[in-house]
PDB file of N, CA and C in Angstrom:
ATOM      1  N   MET A   1       0.880  -1.145  -0.047  1.00  0.00           N
ATOM      2  CA  MET A   1       0.005   0.004   0.011  1.00  0.00           C
ATOM      3  C   MET A   1       0.900   1.254  -0.013  1.00  0.00           C
ATOM      4  N   GLY A   2       0.617   2.183  -0.878  1.00  0.00           N
ATOM      5  CA  GLY A   2       1.375   3.355  -0.953  1.00  0.00           C
ATOM      6  C   GLY A   2       0.809   4.457  -0.047  1.00  0.00           C
ATOM      7  N   GLY A   3       1.448   5.551  -0.015  1.00  0.00           N
ATOM      8  CA  GLY A   3       1.017   6.658   0.887  1.00  0.00           C
ATOM      9  C   GLY A   3      -0.338   7.218   0.563  1.00  0.00           C
ATOM     10  N   GLN A   4      -0.686   7.325  -0.700  1.00  0.00           N
ATOM     11  CA  GLN A   4      -2.046   7.843  -0.998  1.00  0.00           C
ATOM     12  C   GLN A   4      -3.127   6.892  -0.527  1.00  0.00           C
ATOM     13  N   GLN A   5      -2.889   5.577  -0.678  1.00  0.00           N
ATOM     14  CA  GLN A   5      -3.916   4.618  -0.216  1.00  0.00           C
ATOM     15  C   GLN A   5      -3.940   4.649   1.326  1.00  0.00           C
ATOM     16  N   ALA A   6      -2.791   4.702   1.932  1.00  0.00           N
ATOM     17  CA  ALA A   6      -2.761   4.723   3.381  1.00  0.00           C
ATOM     18  C   ALA A   6      -3.422   5.954   4.015  1.00  0.00           C
ATOM     19  N   VAL A   7      -3.243   7.136   3.419  1.00  0.00           N
ATOM     20  CA  VAL A   7      -3.921   8.247   4.007  1.00  0.00           C
ATOM     21  C   VAL A   7      -5.411   8.222   3.824  1.00  0.00           C
ATOM     22  N   LEU A   8      -5.883   7.597   2.771  1.00  0.00           N
ATOM     23  CA  LEU A   8      -7.337   7.390   2.531  1.00  0.00           C
ATOM     24  C   LEU A   8      -7.888   6.468   3.626  1.00  0.00           C
ATOM     25  N   LYS A   9      -7.199   5.386   3.923  1.00  0.00           N
ATOM     26  CA  LYS A   9      -7.667   4.493   4.988  1.00  0.00           C
ATOM     27  C   LYS A   9      -7.621   5.128   6.296  1.00  0.00           C
ATOM     28  N   LEU A  10      -6.542   5.934   6.619  1.00  0.00           N
ATOM     29  CA  LEU A  10      -6.490   6.652   7.901  1.00  0.00           C
ATOM     30  C   LEU A  10      -7.611   7.663   7.991  1.00  0.00           C
ATOM     31  N   GLN A  11      -8.024   8.288   6.910  1.00  0.00           N
ATOM     32  CA  GLN A  11      -9.095   9.301   6.976  1.00  0.00           C
ATOM     33  C   GLN A  11     -10.427   8.609   7.246  1.00  0.00           C
ATOM     34  N   GLU A  12     -10.568   7.321   6.848  1.00  0.00           N
ATOM     35  CA  GLU A  12     -11.784   6.580   7.138  1.00  0.00           C
ATOM     36  C   GLU A  12     -11.918   6.415   8.655  1.00  0.00           C
ATOM     37  N   ILE A  13     -10.783   6.159   9.294  1.00  0.00           N
ATOM     38  CA  ILE A  13     -10.701   5.972  10.742  1.00  0.00           C
ATOM     39  C   ILE A  13     -10.876   7.261  11.502  1.00  0.00           C
ATOM     40  N   ASP A  14     -10.171   8.282  11.036  1.00  0.00           N
ATOM     41  CA  ASP A  14     -10.217   9.558  11.707  1.00  0.00           C
ATOM     42  C   ASP A  14     -10.165  10.679  10.596  1.00  0.00           C
ATOM     43  N   PRO A  15     -11.271  11.305  10.266  1.00  0.00           N
ATOM     44  CA  PRO A  15     -11.265  12.276   9.216  1.00  0.00           C
ATOM     45  C   PRO A  15     -10.418  13.547   9.529  1.00  0.00           C
ATOM     46  N   GLN A  16      -9.979  13.690  10.777  1.00  0.00           N
ATOM     47  CA  GLN A  16      -9.277  14.871  11.135  1.00  0.00           C
ATOM     48  C   GLN A  16      -7.722  14.529  11.163  1.00  0.00           C
ATOM     49  N   ILE A  17      -7.304  13.383  10.621  1.00  0.00           N
ATOM     50  CA  ILE A  17      -5.931  12.976  10.651  1.00  0.00           C
ATOM     51  C   ILE A  17      -5.008  13.990  10.044  1.00  0.00           C
ATOM     52  N   LYS A  18      -3.883  14.142  10.621  1.00  0.00           N
ATOM     53  CA  LYS A  18      -2.892  15.118  10.060  1.00  0.00           C
ATOM     54  C   LYS A  18      -1.693  14.293   9.622  1.00  0.00           C
ATOM     55  N   ALA A  19      -1.634  14.032   8.326  1.00  0.00           N
ATOM     56  CA  ALA A  19      -0.560  13.215   7.730  1.00  0.00           C
ATOM     57  C   ALA A  19       0.449  14.023   6.986  1.00  0.00           C
ATOM     58  N   ILE A  20       1.630  13.602   7.012  1.00  0.00           N
ATOM     59  CA  ILE A  20       2.752  14.250   6.311  1.00  0.00           C
ATOM     60  C   ILE A  20       3.306  13.261   5.245  1.00  0.00           C
ATOM     61  N   VAL A  21       3.430  13.694   4.023  1.00  0.00           N
ATOM     62  CA  VAL A  21       4.012  12.858   2.976  1.00  0.00           C
ATOM     63  C   VAL A  21       5.446  13.167   2.942  1.00  0.00           C
ATOM     64  N   SER A  22       6.302  12.050   2.772  1.00  0.00           N
ATOM     65  CA  SER A  22       7.743  12.235   2.606  1.00  0.00           C
ATOM     66  C   SER A  22       8.251  11.308   1.526  1.00  0.00           C
ATOM     67  N   SER A  23       9.048  11.843   0.619  1.00  0.00           N
ATOM     68  CA  SER A  23       9.576  11.074  -0.440  1.00  0.00           C
ATOM     69  C   SER A  23      10.908  11.630  -0.925  1.00  0.00           C
ATOM     70  N   GLY A  24      11.649  10.749  -1.454  1.00  0.00           N
ATOM     71  CA  GLY A  24      12.941  11.140  -2.093  1.00  0.00           C
ATOM     72  C   GLY A  24      12.813  11.469  -3.545  1.00  0.00           C
ATOM     73  N   TYR A  25      11.551  11.282  -4.027  1.00  0.00           N
ATOM     74  CA  TYR A  25      11.260  11.549  -5.447  1.00  0.00           C
ATOM     75  C   TYR A  25      10.582  12.936  -5.595  1.00  0.00           C
ATOM     76  N   SER A  26      11.433  13.973  -5.868  1.00  0.00           N
ATOM     77  CA  SER A  26      10.827  15.348  -5.874  1.00  0.00           C
ATOM     78  C   SER A  26       9.880  15.546  -6.997  1.00  0.00           C
ATOM     79  N   ASN A  27       9.939  14.808  -8.029  1.00  0.00           N
ATOM     80  CA  ASN A  27       9.015  14.912  -9.182  1.00  0.00           C
ATOM     81  C   ASN A  27       7.721  14.076  -9.005  1.00  0.00           C
ATOM     82  N   ASP A  28       7.590  13.496  -7.849  1.00  0.00           N
ATOM     83  CA  ASP A  28       6.325  12.777  -7.554  1.00  0.00           C
ATOM     84  C   ASP A  28       5.155  13.786  -7.432  1.00  0.00           C
ATOM     85  N   PRO A  29       4.071  13.633  -8.199  1.00  0.00           N
ATOM     86  CA  PRO A  29       2.928  14.597  -8.137  1.00  0.00           C
ATOM     87  C   PRO A  29       2.393  14.730  -6.714  1.00  0.00           C
ATOM     88  N   VAL A  30       2.445  13.736  -5.911  1.00  0.00           N
ATOM     89  CA  VAL A  30       1.933  13.833  -4.550  1.00  0.00           C
ATOM     90  C   VAL A  30       2.691  14.867  -3.731  1.00  0.00           C
ATOM     91  N   MET A  31       3.975  14.995  -4.067  1.00  0.00           N
ATOM     92  CA  MET A  31       4.827  15.983  -3.278  1.00  0.00           C
ATOM     93  C   MET A  31       4.405  17.368  -3.658  1.00  0.00           C
ATOM     94  N   SER A  32       4.055  17.705  -4.912  1.00  0.00           N
ATOM     95  CA  SER A  32       3.648  19.051  -5.248  1.00  0.00           C
ATOM     96  C   SER A  32       2.139  19.287  -5.022  1.00  0.00           C
ATOM     97  N   GLU A  33       1.370  18.289  -5.001  1.00  0.00           N
ATOM     98  CA  GLU A  33      -0.126  18.431  -4.852  1.00  0.00           C
ATOM     99  C   GLU A  33      -0.473  17.733  -3.550  1.00  0.00           C
ATOM    100  N   TYR A  34       0.256  17.829  -2.537  1.00  0.00           N
ATOM    101  CA  TYR A  34      -0.015  16.977  -1.275  1.00  0.00           C
ATOM    102  C   TYR A  34      -1.308  17.319  -0.606  1.00  0.00           C
ATOM    103  N   ARG A  35      -1.779  18.588  -0.606  1.00  0.00           N
ATOM    104  CA  ARG A  35      -2.999  18.884   0.030  1.00  0.00           C
ATOM    105  C   ARG A  35      -4.162  18.250  -0.654  1.00  0.00           C
ATOM    106  N   SER A  36      -4.174  18.236  -1.936  1.00  0.00           N
ATOM    107  CA  SER A  36      -5.327  17.622  -2.693  1.00  0.00           C
ATOM    108  C   SER A  36      -5.326  16.097  -2.564  1.00  0.00           C
ATOM    109  N   GLN A  37      -4.223  15.558  -2.053  1.00  0.00           N
ATOM    110  CA  GLN A  37      -4.036  14.049  -1.826  1.00  0.00           C
ATOM    111  C   GLN A  37      -4.436  13.739  -0.433  1.00  0.00           C
ATOM    112  N   GLY A  38      -4.713  14.676   0.415  1.00  0.00           N
ATOM    113  CA  GLY A  38      -5.152  14.402   1.840  1.00  0.00           C
ATOM    114  C   GLY A  38      -4.078  14.603   2.858  1.00  0.00           C
ATOM    115  N   PHE A  39      -2.878  15.108   2.456  1.00  0.00           N
ATOM    116  CA  PHE A  39      -1.816  15.268   3.425  1.00  0.00           C
ATOM    117  C   PHE A  39      -1.809  16.767   3.883  1.00  0.00           C
ATOM    118  N   CYS A  40      -1.345  17.013   5.132  1.00  0.00           N
ATOM    119  CA  CYS A  40      -1.251  18.339   5.655  1.00  0.00           C
ATOM    120  C   CYS A  40       0.094  18.985   5.511  1.00  0.00           C
ATOM    121  N   GLY A  41       1.133  18.112   5.277  1.00  0.00           N
ATOM    122  CA  GLY A  41       2.450  18.664   5.153  1.00  0.00           C
ATOM    123  C   GLY A  41       3.263  17.804   4.198  1.00  0.00           C
ATOM    124  N   VAL A  42       4.423  18.294   3.815  1.00  0.00           N
ATOM    125  CA  VAL A  42       5.334  17.595   2.917  1.00  0.00           C
ATOM    126  C   VAL A  42       6.780  17.758   3.376  1.00  0.00           C
ATOM    127  N   LEU A  43       7.526  16.704   3.230  1.00  0.00           N
ATOM    128  CA  LEU A  43       8.909  16.713   3.707  1.00  0.00           C
ATOM    129  C   LEU A  43       9.758  15.878   2.675  1.00  0.00           C
ATOM    130  N   ALA A  44      10.634  16.546   1.993  1.00  0.00           N
ATOM    131  CA  ALA A  44      11.449  15.847   0.998  1.00  0.00           C
ATOM    132  C   ALA A  44      12.661  15.161   1.688  1.00  0.00           C
ATOM    133  N   LYS A  45      12.906  13.917   1.168  1.00  0.00           N
ATOM    134  CA  LYS A  45      14.045  13.164   1.693  1.00  0.00           C
ATOM    135  C   LYS A  45      15.263  13.428   0.807  1.00  0.00           C
ATOM    136  N   PRO A  46      16.458  13.420   1.383  1.00  0.00           N
ATOM    137  CA  PRO A  46      16.749  13.290   2.802  1.00  0.00           C
ATOM    138  C   PRO A  46      16.452  14.572   3.553  1.00  0.00           C
ATOM    139  N   TYR A  47      16.146  14.569   4.766  1.00  0.00           N
ATOM    140  CA  TYR A  47      15.844  15.711   5.568  1.00  0.00           C
ATOM    141  C   TYR A  47      16.669  15.662   6.853  1.00  0.00           C
ATOM    142  N   ARG A  48      16.775  16.893   7.382  1.00  0.00           N
ATOM    143  CA  ARG A  48      17.469  17.028   8.730  1.00  0.00           C
ATOM    144  C   ARG A  48      16.438  17.159   9.800  1.00  0.00           C
ATOM    145  N   LEU A  49      16.911  16.833  10.991  1.00  0.00           N
ATOM    146  CA  LEU A  49      16.031  16.909  12.147  1.00  0.00           C
ATOM    147  C   LEU A  49      15.316  18.242  12.264  1.00  0.00           C
ATOM    148  N   GLY A  50      16.051  19.272  12.023  1.00  0.00           N
ATOM    149  CA  GLY A  50      15.386  20.685  12.147  1.00  0.00           C
ATOM    150  C   GLY A  50      14.231  20.830  11.153  1.00  0.00           C
ATOM    151  N   GLU A  51      14.407  20.244   9.929  1.00  0.00           N
ATOM    152  CA  GLU A  51      13.297  20.361   8.967  1.00  0.00           C
ATOM    153  C   GLU A  51      12.057  19.551   9.393  1.00  0.00           C
ATOM    154  N   LEU A  52      12.386  18.341   9.989  1.00  0.00           N
ATOM    155  CA  LEU A  52      11.281  17.572  10.437  1.00  0.00           C
ATOM    156  C   LEU A  52      10.543  18.353  11.546  1.00  0.00           C
ATOM    157  N   GLY A  53      11.284  18.927  12.473  1.00  0.00           N
ATOM    158  CA  GLY A  53      10.645  19.677  13.536  1.00  0.00           C
ATOM    159  C   GLY A  53       9.788  20.835  13.037  1.00  0.00           C
ATOM    160  N   ARG A  54      10.325  21.529  11.978  1.00  0.00           N
ATOM    161  CA  ARG A  54       9.626  22.698  11.438  1.00  0.00           C
ATOM    162  C   ARG A  54       8.252  22.216  10.788  1.00  0.00           C
ATOM    163  N   VAL A  55       8.313  21.114  10.054  1.00  0.00           N
ATOM    164  CA  VAL A  55       7.123  20.594   9.410  1.00  0.00           C
ATOM    165  C   VAL A  55       6.093  20.094  10.461  1.00  0.00           C
ATOM    166  N   LEU A  56       6.614  19.402  11.450  1.00  0.00           N
ATOM    167  CA  LEU A  56       5.722  18.917  12.555  1.00  0.00           C
ATOM    168  C   LEU A  56       5.041  20.093  13.242  1.00  0.00           C
ATOM    169  N   ARG A  57       5.743  21.150  13.590  1.00  0.00           N
ATOM    170  CA  ARG A  57       5.135  22.302  14.239  1.00  0.00           C
ATOM    171  C   ARG A  57       4.083  22.917  13.381  1.00  0.00           C
ATOM    172  N   CYS A  58       4.393  23.105  12.147  1.00  0.00           N
ATOM    173  CA  CYS A  58       3.478  23.692  11.181  1.00  0.00           C
ATOM    174  C   CYS A  58       2.174  22.926  11.084  1.00  0.00           C
ATOM    175  N   VAL A  59       2.331  21.574  10.869  1.00  0.00           N
ATOM    176  CA  VAL A  59       1.122  20.705  10.762  1.00  0.00           C
ATOM    177  C   VAL A  59       0.345  20.666  12.058  1.00  0.00           C
ATOM    178  N   LEU A  60       1.020  20.556  13.230  1.00  0.00           N
ATOM    179  CA  LEU A  60       0.303  20.461  14.452  1.00  0.00           C
ATOM    180  C   LEU A  60      -0.387  21.762  14.879  1.00  0.00           C
ATOM    181  N   ASN A  61       0.071  22.919  14.288  1.00  0.00           N
ATOM    182  CA  ASN A  61      -0.564  24.225  14.508  1.00  0.00           C
ATOM    183  C   ASN A  61      -1.711  24.523  13.568  1.00  0.00           C
ATOM    184  N   GLN A  62      -1.898  23.667  12.611  1.00  0.00           N
ATOM    185  CA  GLN A  62      -3.001  23.898  11.671  1.00  0.00           C
ATOM    186  C   GLN A  62      -4.335  23.571  12.321  1.00  0.00           C
ATOM    187  N   PRO A  63      -5.376  24.407  12.034  1.00  0.00           N
ATOM    188  CA  PRO A  63      -6.703  24.127  12.688  1.00  0.00           C
ATOM    189  C   PRO A  63      -7.289  22.808  12.230  1.00  0.00           C
TER     190      PRO A  63
END
């Protein structure tokens, strides 16, 4: 199961789920269109701990 399918399943369980997509493929359409795919944030691999923290703070502060 890929990320798109996983987030759909998670949304069935909890429609308010806050999911972050992460990939090493920058040309993946999910990375550029992450909100329309059900994700609240995006994080390109490889990433540093500081970047992860920034994205987590941003996503957790979303209404």
